[in-house]
C-alpha cells in the first residue's frame, strides 16, 4: 500500500505546477546523449507528450553535431572550428542542411509521433521562421585586439516569425525546429541550436527555456550542483572559473533569453530518464534553474 500512497503523493506534488503552467509555452533544446540512447529518446518523447496532454505548449529545437560530423567524414570533408563554431563553407552547409533538416528533424518528429504525439518538422526556411544574418566570430589578433572573422555560412537569428508556431500550437501540434536559418537572399545558415532555442523562447514570451545537456547542471567551484542561480551571479561564477568551457555559452544563452522576457531557464541532465518532468514537476528538480 505504501508504494501506492507514494505515487499519489508524487501526483499531488506535481498538481500546483500543472495548474501554474497549463496554457504556457516551454521551449526545449534537445541534444546530447538524450538523442543517441534509445531508452532516453523514448523517455524524452513521453515527457513532451505528457506536457502537451497537460495543456502545456512544447516547442522543440534540436541539435545534430555528431550526425553532421559522421556525414562529413563519409564525404571526406574535414571540419575546422573557431572558438567552438564549425567553419561552414558552401559544401559543408549543404551537408549540414541535409543532415539537420532531412535526417535528424525527421527522426525526432517520427519518434514523437510513434509515441502518440502530433509533431511537425520545421526548418528556419519554413515561413521564414528564422530570418538570419551572417555571424562574425570574435577572435583575438596577434596584437591582442579582437578581430571579427568570417567563418562562412554560420548565422545569427535576426527575427523569429512566430505565426507558424502559434498556428501549430492552436492545433495541438508539436513544432520541432531544425537550427537552419534563412538569409535575406534565401541563403541557408548553420546556427547554434542553443542560440535558436533562446531566441525562439524570447519571441514566444515562453514561460521556460530548457536546455538538455550531458552534465548535471551548473556547479560551484567545489563541484556541488547549484539548484538555482540568478543572472547577476553568472559573471562572478565565470570569473571564479566555476563556469567554464562549453557551459559559458549555455548560461549566456539563458541569461539573454531571460533578459528578453523568458520567465525562467533550466539546464538539466538529459542522461536522466524523464529529466524534463523531474525538473518541472518536483519541488527540488534535478538540474539548475536560472532566474532574473
C-alpha atoms as a PDB file:
ATOM      1  CA  UNK A   1       0.000   0.000   0.000  1.00  0.00           C
ATOM      2  CA  UNK A   2       2.858   2.415   0.796  1.00  0.00           C
ATOM      3  CA  UNK A   3       4.158   2.465  -2.774  1.00  0.00           C
ATOM      4  CA  UNK A   4       0.658   3.359  -3.986  1.00  0.00           C
ATOM      5  CA  UNK A   5       0.453   6.211  -1.469  1.00  0.00           C
ATOM      6  CA  UNK A   6       3.906   7.399  -2.626  1.00  0.00           C
ATOM      7  CA  UNK A   7       2.596   7.526  -6.180  1.00  0.00           C
ATOM      8  CA  UNK A   8      -0.389   9.598  -5.044  1.00  0.00           C
ATOM      9  CA  UNK A   9       1.931  11.971  -3.165  1.00  0.00           C
ATOM     10  CA  UNK A  10       4.039  12.397  -6.288  1.00  0.00           C
ATOM     11  CA  UNK A  11       0.951  13.400  -8.233  1.00  0.00           C
ATOM     12  CA  UNK A  12      -0.062  15.852  -5.511  1.00  0.00           C
ATOM     13  CA  UNK A  13       3.417  17.398  -5.582  1.00  0.00           C
ATOM     14  CA  UNK A  14       3.009  17.965  -9.328  1.00  0.00           C
ATOM     15  CA  UNK A  15      -0.519  19.423  -9.095  1.00  0.00           C
ATOM     16  CA  UNK A  16       0.365  23.095  -8.355  1.00  0.00           C
ATOM     17  CA  UNK A  17       2.900  23.095 -11.197  1.00  0.00           C
ATOM     18  CA  UNK A  18       0.375  21.604 -13.606  1.00  0.00           C
ATOM     19  CA  UNK A  19      -2.107  24.347 -12.692  1.00  0.00           C
ATOM     20  CA  UNK A  20       0.522  27.071 -12.993  1.00  0.00           C
ATOM     21  CA  UNK A  21       1.903  26.038 -16.370  1.00  0.00           C
ATOM     22  CA  UNK A  22      -1.248  24.964 -18.230  1.00  0.00           C
ATOM     23  CA  UNK A  23      -1.556  27.147 -21.335  1.00  0.00           C
ATOM     24  CA  UNK A  24       2.075  28.308 -21.117  1.00  0.00           C
ATOM     25  CA  UNK A  25       4.860  27.642 -23.615  1.00  0.00           C
ATOM     26  CA  UNK A  26       8.080  25.734 -22.924  1.00  0.00           C
ATOM     27  CA  UNK A  27      10.922  25.792 -25.460  1.00  0.00           C
ATOM     28  CA  UNK A  28      13.145  22.729 -25.109  1.00  0.00           C
ATOM     29  CA  UNK A  29      16.578  22.365 -26.707  1.00  0.00           C
ATOM     30  CA  UNK A  30      17.011  18.651 -27.400  1.00  0.00           C
ATOM     31  CA  UNK A  31      20.546  17.392 -27.880  1.00  0.00           C
ATOM     32  CA  UNK A  32      23.456  15.436 -26.474  1.00  0.00           C
ATOM     33  CA  UNK A  33      23.220  11.860 -25.216  1.00  0.00           C
ATOM     34  CA  UNK A  34      19.421  12.070 -24.991  1.00  0.00           C
ATOM     35  CA  UNK A  35      19.319  11.983 -28.808  1.00  0.00           C
ATOM     36  CA  UNK A  36      21.535   8.894 -29.113  1.00  0.00           C
ATOM     37  CA  UNK A  37      20.272   6.444 -26.485  1.00  0.00           C
ATOM     38  CA  UNK A  38      17.069   4.564 -27.403  1.00  0.00           C
ATOM     39  CA  UNK A  39      15.844   4.435 -23.809  1.00  0.00           C
ATOM     40  CA  UNK A  40      16.381   8.185 -23.380  1.00  0.00           C
ATOM     41  CA  UNK A  41      14.776   9.005 -26.731  1.00  0.00           C
ATOM     42  CA  UNK A  42      11.620   7.226 -25.631  1.00  0.00           C
ATOM     43  CA  UNK A  43      11.747   8.929 -22.221  1.00  0.00           C
ATOM     44  CA  UNK A  44      12.067  12.373 -23.844  1.00  0.00           C
ATOM     45  CA  UNK A  45       9.224  11.695 -26.279  1.00  0.00           C
ATOM     46  CA  UNK A  46       6.906  10.627 -23.466  1.00  0.00           C
ATOM     47  CA  UNK A  47       7.852  13.698 -21.386  1.00  0.00           C
ATOM     48  CA  UNK A  48       6.988  16.038 -24.252  1.00  0.00           C
ATOM     49  CA  UNK A  49       3.716  14.252 -24.981  1.00  0.00           C
ATOM     50  CA  UNK A  50       2.836  14.432 -21.277  1.00  0.00           C
ATOM     51  CA  UNK A  51       3.421  18.202 -21.304  1.00  0.00           C
ATOM     52  CA  UNK A  52       1.112  18.605 -24.298  1.00  0.00           C
ATOM     53  CA  UNK A  53      -1.528  16.407 -22.646  1.00  0.00           C
ATOM     54  CA  UNK A  54      -1.448  18.724 -19.618  1.00  0.00           C
ATOM     55  CA  UNK A  55      -2.138  21.768 -21.790  1.00  0.00           C
ATOM     56  CA  UNK A  56       1.468  22.983 -21.969  1.00  0.00           C
ATOM     57  CA  UNK A  57       2.718  24.102 -25.387  1.00  0.00           C
ATOM     58  CA  UNK A  58       6.081  22.437 -26.051  1.00  0.00           C
ATOM     59  CA  UNK A  59       8.363  23.687 -28.841  1.00  0.00           C
ATOM     60  CA  UNK A  60      11.425  21.549 -29.605  1.00  0.00           C
ATOM     61  CA  UNK A  61      14.698  22.842 -31.079  1.00  0.00           C
ATOM     62  CA  UNK A  62      17.175  20.057 -31.793  1.00  0.00           C
ATOM     63  CA  UNK A  63      20.894  19.852 -32.424  1.00  0.00           C
ATOM     64  CA  UNK A  64      22.768  17.308 -34.507  1.00  0.00           C
ATOM     65  CA  UNK A  65      26.513  17.852 -34.222  1.00  0.00           C
ATOM     66  CA  UNK A  66      27.520  14.155 -34.009  1.00  0.00           C
ATOM     67  CA  UNK A  67      25.344  13.253 -37.003  1.00  0.00           C
ATOM     68  CA  UNK A  68      26.863  16.132 -39.010  1.00  0.00           C
ATOM     69  CA  UNK A  69      30.387  15.022 -38.068  1.00  0.00           C
ATOM     70  CA  UNK A  70      29.675  11.459 -39.165  1.00  0.00           C
ATOM     71  CA  UNK A  71      28.225  12.508 -42.528  1.00  0.00           C
ATOM     72  CA  UNK A  72      31.005  14.996 -43.277  1.00  0.00           C
ATOM     73  CA  UNK A  73      33.533  12.258 -42.540  1.00  0.00           C
ATOM     74  CA  UNK A  74      31.808   9.942 -45.034  1.00  0.00           C
ATOM     75  CA  UNK A  75      32.025  12.680 -47.672  1.00  0.00           C
ATOM     76  CA  UNK A  76      35.693  13.256 -46.874  1.00  0.00           C
ATOM     77  CA  UNK A  77      35.096  16.812 -45.645  1.00  0.00           C
ATOM     78  CA  UNK A  78      37.360  17.863 -42.779  1.00  0.00           C
ATOM     79  CA  UNK A  79      35.772  20.274 -40.287  1.00  0.00           C
ATOM     80  CA  UNK A  80      37.589  23.220 -38.779  1.00  0.00           C
ATOM     81  CA  UNK A  81      36.371  25.064 -35.703  1.00  0.00           C
ATOM     82  CA  UNK A  82      36.868  28.630 -34.480  1.00  0.00           C
ATOM     83  CA  UNK A  83      36.031  29.061 -30.784  1.00  0.00           C
ATOM     84  CA  UNK A  84      33.781  26.025 -30.961  1.00  0.00           C
ATOM     85  CA  UNK A  85      31.943  27.163 -34.109  1.00  0.00           C
ATOM     86  CA  UNK A  86      32.167  24.999 -37.245  1.00  0.00           C
ATOM     87  CA  UNK A  87      33.669  26.794 -40.253  1.00  0.00           C
ATOM     88  CA  UNK A  88      30.904  26.307 -42.801  1.00  0.00           C
ATOM     89  CA  UNK A  89      31.656  26.770 -46.487  1.00  0.00           C
ATOM     90  CA  UNK A  90      29.014  26.168 -49.179  1.00  0.00           C
ATOM     91  CA  UNK A  91      29.791  22.439 -49.463  1.00  0.00           C
ATOM     92  CA  UNK A  92      29.680  21.949 -45.686  1.00  0.00           C
ATOM     93  CA  UNK A  93      26.447  23.959 -45.438  1.00  0.00           C
ATOM     94  CA  UNK A  94      24.734  21.695 -47.946  1.00  0.00           C
ATOM     95  CA  UNK A  95      25.651  18.662 -45.808  1.00  0.00           C
ATOM     96  CA  UNK A  96      24.627  20.416 -42.571  1.00  0.00           C
ATOM     97  CA  UNK A  97      21.210  21.285 -44.030  1.00  0.00           C
ATOM     98  CA  UNK A  98      20.733  17.798 -45.419  1.00  0.00           C
ATOM     99  CA  UNK A  99      21.519  16.187 -42.064  1.00  0.00           C
ATOM    100  CA  UNK A 100      19.654  18.595 -39.770  1.00  0.00           C
ATOM    101  CA  UNK A 101      16.531  19.074 -41.895  1.00  0.00           C
ATOM    102  CA  UNK A 102      16.345  15.868 -43.898  1.00  0.00           C
ATOM    103  CA  UNK A 103      17.602  13.359 -41.349  1.00  0.00           C
ATOM    104  CA  UNK A 104      17.670  14.443 -37.704  1.00  0.00           C
ATOM    105  CA  UNK A 105      14.495  16.541 -37.806  1.00  0.00           C
ATOM    106  CA  UNK A 106      12.504  13.739 -39.385  1.00  0.00           C
ATOM    107  CA  UNK A 107      13.864  11.216 -36.875  1.00  0.00           C
ATOM    108  CA  UNK A 108      12.764  13.384 -33.929  1.00  0.00           C
ATOM    109  CA  UNK A 109       9.350  14.015 -35.485  1.00  0.00           C
ATOM    110  CA  UNK A 110       8.901  10.319 -36.251  1.00  0.00           C
ATOM    111  CA  UNK A 111       9.819   9.279 -32.726  1.00  0.00           C
ATOM    112  CA  UNK A 112       7.383  11.749 -31.151  1.00  0.00           C
ATOM    113  CA  UNK A 113       4.579  10.646 -33.466  1.00  0.00           C
ATOM    114  CA  UNK A 114       5.367   6.967 -32.911  1.00  0.00           C
ATOM    115  CA  UNK A 115       4.736   7.506 -29.191  1.00  0.00           C
ATOM    116  CA  UNK A 116       1.432   9.314 -29.644  1.00  0.00           C
ATOM    117  CA  UNK A 117       2.424  12.921 -30.334  1.00  0.00           C
ATOM    118  CA  UNK A 118       1.385  15.225 -33.169  1.00  0.00           C
ATOM    119  CA  UNK A 119       4.785  16.576 -34.187  1.00  0.00           C
ATOM    120  CA  UNK A 120       5.517  18.701 -37.256  1.00  0.00           C
ATOM    121  CA  UNK A 121       9.066  19.282 -38.506  1.00  0.00           C
ATOM    122  CA  UNK A 122      10.257  22.762 -39.459  1.00  0.00           C
ATOM    123  CA  UNK A 123      13.441  24.487 -40.508  1.00  0.00           C
ATOM    124  CA  UNK A 124      14.129  28.204 -40.360  1.00  0.00           C
ATOM    125  CA  UNK A 125      13.222  28.413 -44.039  1.00  0.00           C
ATOM    126  CA  UNK A 126       9.609  27.353 -43.459  1.00  0.00           C
ATOM    127  CA  UNK A 127       7.527  30.505 -43.355  1.00  0.00           C
ATOM    128  CA  UNK A 128      10.830  32.411 -42.935  1.00  0.00           C
ATOM    129  CA  UNK A 129      10.670  31.129 -39.371  1.00  0.00           C
ATOM    130  CA  UNK A 130      14.292  32.060 -38.585  1.00  0.00           C
ATOM    131  CA  UNK A 131      15.318  35.168 -40.505  1.00  0.00           C
ATOM    132  CA  UNK A 132      19.090  35.225 -40.166  1.00  0.00           C
ATOM    133  CA  UNK A 133      22.335  37.022 -40.962  1.00  0.00           C
ATOM    134  CA  UNK A 134      25.986  36.025 -41.087  1.00  0.00           C
ATOM    135  CA  UNK A 135      27.610  35.714 -37.662  1.00  0.00           C
ATOM    136  CA  UNK A 136      31.160  37.043 -37.495  1.00  0.00           C
ATOM    137  CA  UNK A 137      33.262  35.361 -34.811  1.00  0.00           C
ATOM    138  CA  UNK A 138      35.341  37.488 -32.430  1.00  0.00           C
ATOM    139  CA  UNK A 139      38.927  36.182 -32.337  1.00  0.00           C
ATOM    140  CA  UNK A 140      41.942  37.746 -30.561  1.00  0.00           C
ATOM    141  CA  UNK A 141      44.500  39.006 -33.097  1.00  0.00           C
ATOM    142  CA  UNK A 142      48.286  38.872 -32.843  1.00  0.00           C
ATOM    143  CA  UNK A 143      48.355  42.375 -31.354  1.00  0.00           C
ATOM    144  CA  UNK A 144      45.812  41.390 -28.697  1.00  0.00           C
ATOM    145  CA  UNK A 145      42.949  43.268 -30.285  1.00  0.00           C
ATOM    146  CA  UNK A 146      39.744  41.420 -31.145  1.00  0.00           C
ATOM    147  CA  UNK A 147      39.185  40.749 -34.828  1.00  0.00           C
ATOM    148  CA  UNK A 148      35.946  39.664 -36.461  1.00  0.00           C
ATOM    149  CA  UNK A 149      36.452  36.555 -38.582  1.00  0.00           C
ATOM    150  CA  UNK A 150      34.115  35.337 -41.329  1.00  0.00           C
ATOM    151  CA  UNK A 151      33.620  31.573 -40.819  1.00  0.00           C
ATOM    152  CA  UNK A 152      31.210  31.070 -43.695  1.00  0.00           C
ATOM    153  CA  UNK A 153      27.532  30.220 -43.535  1.00  0.00           C
ATOM    154  CA  UNK A 154      27.285  30.449 -39.757  1.00  0.00           C
ATOM    155  CA  UNK A 155      24.340  32.590 -38.734  1.00  0.00           C
ATOM    156  CA  UNK A 156      22.668  34.609 -36.046  1.00  0.00           C
ATOM    157  CA  UNK A 157      18.890  34.986 -35.689  1.00  0.00           C
ATOM    158  CA  UNK A 158      17.605  38.426 -36.651  1.00  0.00           C
ATOM    159  CA  UNK A 159      13.905  37.691 -36.256  1.00  0.00           C
ATOM    160  CA  UNK A 160      11.679  34.768 -35.299  1.00  0.00           C
ATOM    161  CA  UNK A 161       8.396  34.759 -37.209  1.00  0.00           C
ATOM    162  CA  UNK A 162       6.125  33.153 -34.648  1.00  0.00           C
ATOM    163  CA  UNK A 163       2.885  32.980 -36.668  1.00  0.00           C
ATOM    164  CA  UNK A 164       3.617  29.461 -37.913  1.00  0.00           C
ATOM    165  CA  UNK A 165       4.444  28.197 -34.411  1.00  0.00           C
ATOM    166  CA  UNK A 166       1.318  29.786 -32.942  1.00  0.00           C
ATOM    167  CA  UNK A 167      -0.847  28.218 -35.648  1.00  0.00           C
ATOM    168  CA  UNK A 168       0.597  24.777 -34.914  1.00  0.00           C
ATOM    169  CA  UNK A 169       0.125  25.248 -31.165  1.00  0.00           C
ATOM    170  CA  UNK A 170      -3.526  26.145 -31.695  1.00  0.00           C
ATOM    171  CA  UNK A 171      -3.965  22.844 -33.497  1.00  0.00           C
ATOM    172  CA  UNK A 172      -2.287  20.967 -30.612  1.00  0.00           C
ATOM    173  CA  UNK A 173       0.738  20.133 -32.756  1.00  0.00           C
ATOM    174  CA  UNK A 174       4.324  19.913 -31.502  1.00  0.00           C
ATOM    175  CA  UNK A 175       6.683  22.116 -33.563  1.00  0.00           C
ATOM    176  CA  UNK A 176      10.141  20.556 -33.992  1.00  0.00           C
ATOM    177  CA  UNK A 177      12.667  23.070 -35.328  1.00  0.00           C
ATOM    178  CA  UNK A 178      15.973  22.338 -37.078  1.00  0.00           C
ATOM    179  CA  UNK A 179      18.506  25.146 -36.432  1.00  0.00           C
ATOM    180  CA  UNK A 180      18.948  26.203 -40.046  1.00  0.00           C
ATOM    181  CA  UNK A 181      18.172  29.854 -40.745  1.00  0.00           C
ATOM    182  CA  UNK A 182      17.418  31.733 -43.946  1.00  0.00           C
ATOM    183  CA  UNK A 183      19.162  34.932 -45.045  1.00  0.00           C
ATOM    184  CA  UNK A 184      17.750  37.905 -46.984  1.00  0.00           C
ATOM    185  CA  UNK A 185      18.767  36.346 -50.311  1.00  0.00           C
ATOM    186  CA  UNK A 186      17.390  32.932 -49.433  1.00  0.00           C
ATOM    187  CA  UNK A 187      20.779  31.544 -48.392  1.00  0.00           C
ATOM    188  CA  UNK A 188      20.952  28.928 -45.634  1.00  0.00           C
ATOM    189  CA  UNK A 189      22.771  29.470 -42.337  1.00  0.00           C
ATOM    190  CA  UNK A 190      24.028  26.969 -39.781  1.00  0.00           C
ATOM    191  CA  UNK A 191      23.002  28.318 -36.351  1.00  0.00           C
ATOM    192  CA  UNK A 192      23.887  27.089 -32.870  1.00  0.00           C
ATOM    193  CA  UNK A 193      20.864  25.195 -31.519  1.00  0.00           C
ATOM    194  CA  UNK A 194      21.121  26.755 -28.036  1.00  0.00           C
ATOM    195  CA  UNK A 195      21.041  30.207 -29.616  1.00  0.00           C
ATOM    196  CA  UNK A 196      17.987  29.298 -31.717  1.00  0.00           C
ATOM    197  CA  UNK A 197      16.175  27.899 -28.683  1.00  0.00           C
ATOM    198  CA  UNK A 198      16.844  31.066 -26.696  1.00  0.00           C
ATOM    199  CA  UNK A 199      15.658  33.362 -29.484  1.00  0.00           C
ATOM    200  CA  UNK A 200      12.536  31.286 -30.134  1.00  0.00           C
ATOM    201  CA  UNK A 201      11.728  31.254 -26.400  1.00  0.00           C
ATOM    202  CA  UNK A 202      12.061  35.035 -26.208  1.00  0.00           C
ATOM    203  CA  UNK A 203       9.938  35.604 -29.320  1.00  0.00           C
ATOM    204  CA  UNK A 204       7.185  33.369 -27.917  1.00  0.00           C
ATOM    205  CA  UNK A 205       7.382  35.012 -24.469  1.00  0.00           C
ATOM    206  CA  UNK A 206       7.891  31.488 -23.159  1.00  0.00           C
ATOM    207  CA  UNK A 207       7.435  30.512 -19.552  1.00  0.00           C
ATOM    208  CA  UNK A 208      10.543  28.329 -19.670  1.00  0.00           C
ATOM    209  CA  UNK A 209      13.629  27.650 -21.754  1.00  0.00           C
ATOM    210  CA  UNK A 210      15.001  24.167 -21.049  1.00  0.00           C
ATOM    211  CA  UNK A 211      18.417  23.022 -22.300  1.00  0.00           C
ATOM    212  CA  UNK A 212      19.144  19.285 -22.193  1.00  0.00           C
ATOM    213  CA  UNK A 213      22.867  18.686 -21.746  1.00  0.00           C
ATOM    214  CA  UNK A 214      25.271  15.874 -20.880  1.00  0.00           C
ATOM    215  CA  UNK A 215      26.105  17.224 -17.426  1.00  0.00           C
ATOM    216  CA  UNK A 216      24.073  17.622 -14.235  1.00  0.00           C
ATOM    217  CA  UNK A 217      23.823  21.412 -14.436  1.00  0.00           C
ATOM    218  CA  UNK A 218      25.801  24.430 -13.250  1.00  0.00           C
ATOM    219  CA  UNK A 219      28.198  23.720 -10.397  1.00  0.00           C
ATOM    220  CA  UNK A 220      30.163  25.865  -7.964  1.00  0.00           C
ATOM    221  CA  UNK A 221      33.959  25.727  -7.573  1.00  0.00           C
ATOM    222  CA  UNK A 222      33.724  22.768  -5.224  1.00  0.00           C
ATOM    223  CA  UNK A 223      31.756  20.783  -7.786  1.00  0.00           C
ATOM    224  CA  UNK A 224      28.420  20.996  -5.952  1.00  0.00           C
ATOM    225  CA  UNK A 225      25.341  21.336  -8.142  1.00  0.00           C
ATOM    226  CA  UNK A 226      23.664  24.746  -7.935  1.00  0.00           C
ATOM    227  CA  UNK A 227      19.900  24.197  -7.994  1.00  0.00           C
ATOM    228  CA  UNK A 228      19.177  27.911  -8.589  1.00  0.00           C
ATOM    229  CA  UNK A 229      21.321  30.823  -9.748  1.00  0.00           C
ATOM    230  CA  UNK A 230      20.451  34.409 -10.609  1.00  0.00           C
ATOM    231  CA  UNK A 231      21.587  36.079 -13.818  1.00  0.00           C
ATOM    232  CA  UNK A 232      23.523  38.554 -11.666  1.00  0.00           C
ATOM    233  CA  UNK A 233      25.608  35.682 -10.236  1.00  0.00           C
ATOM    234  CA  UNK A 234      26.797  34.399 -13.603  1.00  0.00           C
ATOM    235  CA  UNK A 235      29.634  36.874 -14.134  1.00  0.00           C
ATOM    236  CA  UNK A 236      31.069  36.010 -10.712  1.00  0.00           C
ATOM    237  CA  UNK A 237      30.830  32.274 -11.390  1.00  0.00           C
ATOM    238  CA  UNK A 238      32.605  32.723 -14.729  1.00  0.00           C
ATOM    239  CA  UNK A 239      35.304  34.875 -13.083  1.00  0.00           C
ATOM    240  CA  UNK A 240      35.776  32.187 -10.412  1.00  0.00           C
ATOM    241  CA  UNK A 241      36.054  29.611 -13.236  1.00  0.00           C
ATOM    242  CA  UNK A 242      33.164  27.650 -11.752  1.00  0.00           C
ATOM    243  CA  UNK A 243      31.523  28.064 -15.162  1.00  0.00           C
ATOM    244  CA  UNK A 244      33.991  27.219 -17.938  1.00  0.00           C
ATOM    245  CA  UNK A 245      34.255  25.937 -21.495  1.00  0.00           C
ATOM    246  CA  UNK A 246      31.079  24.912 -23.251  1.00  0.00           C
ATOM    247  CA  UNK A 247      28.911  25.815 -20.253  1.00  0.00           C
ATOM    248  CA  UNK A 248      29.665  29.542 -20.729  1.00  0.00           C
ATOM    249  CA  UNK A 249      27.679  29.981 -23.980  1.00  0.00           C
ATOM    250  CA  UNK A 250      24.823  27.955 -22.498  1.00  0.00           C
ATOM    251  CA  UNK A 251      24.427  30.173 -19.431  1.00  0.00           C
ATOM    252  CA  UNK A 252      24.854  33.287 -21.589  1.00  0.00           C
ATOM    253  CA  UNK A 253      22.093  31.979 -23.868  1.00  0.00           C
ATOM    254  CA  UNK A 254      19.855  31.509 -20.803  1.00  0.00           C
ATOM    255  CA  UNK A 255      20.683  34.966 -19.445  1.00  0.00           C
ATOM    256  CA  UNK A 256      19.905  36.591 -22.813  1.00  0.00           C
ATOM    257  CA  UNK A 257      16.564  34.770 -23.003  1.00  0.00           C
ATOM    258  CA  UNK A 258      15.595  35.912 -19.505  1.00  0.00           C
ATOM    259  CA  UNK A 259      16.628  39.464 -20.321  1.00  0.00           C
ATOM    260  CA  UNK A 260      14.342  39.268 -23.380  1.00  0.00           C
ATOM    261  CA  UNK A 261      11.299  38.127 -21.397  1.00  0.00           C
ATOM    262  CA  UNK A 262      11.545  34.379 -20.733  1.00  0.00           C
ATOM    263  CA  UNK A 263      10.456  33.729 -17.146  1.00  0.00           C
ATOM    264  CA  UNK A 264      12.991  31.018 -16.210  1.00  0.00           C
ATOM    265  CA  UNK A 265      15.662  28.914 -17.866  1.00  0.00           C
ATOM    266  CA  UNK A 266      16.800  25.425 -16.890  1.00  0.00           C
ATOM    267  CA  UNK A 267      19.965  23.480 -17.662  1.00  0.00           C
ATOM    268  CA  UNK A 268      19.337  19.797 -16.971  1.00  0.00           C
ATOM    269  CA  UNK A 269      20.965  16.413 -17.469  1.00  0.00           C
ATOM    270  CA  UNK A 270      19.414  14.735 -20.491  1.00  0.00           C
ATOM    271  CA  UNK A 271      21.065  11.450 -19.496  1.00  0.00           C
ATOM    272  CA  UNK A 272      18.470  11.073 -16.730  1.00  0.00           C
ATOM    273  CA  UNK A 273      15.219   9.350 -17.682  1.00  0.00           C
ATOM    274  CA  UNK A 274      12.230  11.740 -17.630  1.00  0.00           C
ATOM    275  CA  UNK A 275      14.587  14.638 -16.912  1.00  0.00           C
ATOM    276  CA  UNK A 276      12.076  17.243 -18.122  1.00  0.00           C
ATOM    277  CA  UNK A 277       9.251  16.038 -15.885  1.00  0.00           C
ATOM    278  CA  UNK A 278      11.551  15.685 -12.869  1.00  0.00           C
ATOM    279  CA  UNK A 279      12.811  19.246 -13.269  1.00  0.00           C
ATOM    280  CA  UNK A 280       9.443  20.875 -13.877  1.00  0.00           C
ATOM    281  CA  UNK A 281       7.011  18.969 -11.659  1.00  0.00           C
ATOM    282  CA  UNK A 282       9.020  18.357  -8.489  1.00  0.00           C
ATOM    283  CA  UNK A 283       9.874  20.802  -5.720  1.00  0.00           C
ATOM    284  CA  UNK A 284      13.625  20.159  -5.828  1.00  0.00           C
ATOM    285  CA  UNK A 285      14.211  19.438  -9.516  1.00  0.00           C
ATOM    286  CA  UNK A 286      17.314  17.724 -10.895  1.00  0.00           C
ATOM    287  CA  UNK A 287      19.313  20.490 -12.599  1.00  0.00           C
ATOM    288  CA  UNK A 288      19.932  24.227 -12.404  1.00  0.00           C
ATOM    289  CA  UNK A 289      17.229  26.841 -12.809  1.00  0.00           C
ATOM    290  CA  UNK A 290      18.324  30.326 -13.854  1.00  0.00           C
ATOM    291  CA  UNK A 291      16.216  33.251 -12.689  1.00  0.00           C
ATOM    292  CA  UNK A 292      16.286  37.020 -13.057  1.00  0.00           C
END
